[in-house]
């Protein structure tokens, strides 16, 4: 399981970005440690001390992993790293 602590107000664009980031972390962890991360959890504490937990797993995690890999591919192509 990958945990990411965030301190911010809950906004849809932030949450989507955090899912993408934790999906990337899970891919890196799987490669470096020969693991199989299946769940990513984002813990958020808002300015008014509201605790929130967001979890991605299964097909949703795979979707975000693939979105990250697509962005990485485009980055590499734009920078002639491909």
Protein backbone atom coordinates (compact mmCIF):
# COMPACT_ATOMS: atom_id res chain seq x y z
CA UNK A 1 0.00 0.00 0.00
CA UNK A 2 1.24 3.48 -0.88
CA UNK A 3 0.27 6.28 1.56
CA UNK A 4 0.44 9.94 0.65
CA UNK A 5 -0.17 12.67 3.23
CA UNK A 6 -1.51 15.96 1.89
CA UNK A 7 -2.44 19.15 3.68
CA UNK A 8 -4.91 21.08 1.58
CA UNK A 9 -8.54 21.73 0.95
CA UNK A 10 -10.41 19.06 -0.96
CA UNK A 11 -10.73 20.07 -4.59
CA UNK A 12 -11.46 17.71 -7.44
CA UNK A 13 -8.42 18.73 -9.50
CA UNK A 14 -6.11 18.16 -6.52
CA UNK A 15 -7.53 14.74 -5.81
CA UNK A 16 -7.15 13.68 -9.44
CA UNK A 17 -3.54 14.90 -9.41
CA UNK A 18 -2.87 13.04 -6.15
CA UNK A 19 -4.29 9.83 -7.61
CA UNK A 20 -1.98 10.21 -10.60
CA UNK A 21 0.99 10.87 -8.31
CA UNK A 22 0.35 7.89 -6.04
CA UNK A 23 -0.20 5.65 -9.08
CA UNK A 24 3.25 6.73 -10.31
CA UNK A 25 4.71 5.95 -6.87
CA UNK A 26 3.14 2.50 -6.99
CA UNK A 27 4.70 1.79 -10.40
CA UNK A 28 8.12 2.92 -9.16
CA UNK A 29 7.81 0.82 -6.00
CA UNK A 30 6.83 -2.23 -8.05
CA UNK A 31 9.91 -1.85 -10.27
CA UNK A 32 12.46 -1.00 -7.58
CA UNK A 33 11.30 -3.54 -4.99
CA UNK A 34 9.77 -6.16 -7.27
CA UNK A 35 6.48 -5.69 -5.43
CA UNK A 36 2.84 -5.60 -6.43
CA UNK A 37 1.19 -2.53 -4.92
CA UNK A 38 -2.58 -2.87 -5.27
CA UNK A 39 -3.87 0.00 -3.13
CA UNK A 40 -2.97 3.67 -2.86
CA UNK A 41 -4.34 5.81 -0.02
CA UNK A 42 -4.29 9.59 0.18
CA UNK A 43 -4.71 11.14 3.62
CA UNK A 44 -5.80 14.77 3.72
CA UNK A 45 -6.18 17.18 6.59
CA UNK A 46 -7.97 20.40 5.67
CA UNK A 47 -7.31 23.81 7.20
CA UNK A 48 -10.38 23.37 9.39
CA UNK A 49 -8.97 20.06 10.75
CA UNK A 50 -11.23 17.80 8.72
CA UNK A 51 -9.54 14.45 8.07
CA UNK A 52 -10.25 12.75 4.75
CA UNK A 53 -9.11 9.48 3.21
CA UNK A 54 -9.21 8.69 -0.51
CA UNK A 55 -8.35 5.24 -1.80
CA UNK A 56 -7.73 3.86 -5.29
CA UNK A 57 -7.33 0.19 -6.07
CA UNK A 58 -8.06 -2.43 -8.69
CA UNK A 59 -9.16 -1.17 -12.11
CA UNK A 60 -9.13 2.46 -10.94
CA UNK A 61 -5.47 2.21 -9.87
CA UNK A 62 -4.57 0.57 -13.18
CA UNK A 63 -6.32 3.42 -15.02
CA UNK A 64 -4.26 6.03 -13.17
CA UNK A 65 -1.07 4.03 -13.71
CA UNK A 66 -1.79 3.96 -17.45
CA UNK A 67 -2.57 7.70 -17.45
CA UNK A 68 0.81 8.33 -15.83
CA UNK A 69 2.61 6.10 -18.33
CA UNK A 70 0.91 7.98 -21.18
CA UNK A 71 2.09 11.31 -19.77
CA UNK A 72 5.59 9.93 -19.30
CA UNK A 73 5.65 8.72 -22.90
CA UNK A 74 4.53 12.13 -24.20
CA UNK A 75 7.16 13.86 -22.03
CA UNK A 76 9.88 11.60 -23.36
CA UNK A 77 8.76 12.15 -26.97
CA UNK A 78 8.66 15.94 -26.51
CA UNK A 79 12.17 15.90 -25.08
CA UNK A 80 13.59 13.34 -27.53
CA UNK A 81 14.18 10.87 -24.74
CA UNK A 82 12.07 8.13 -26.26
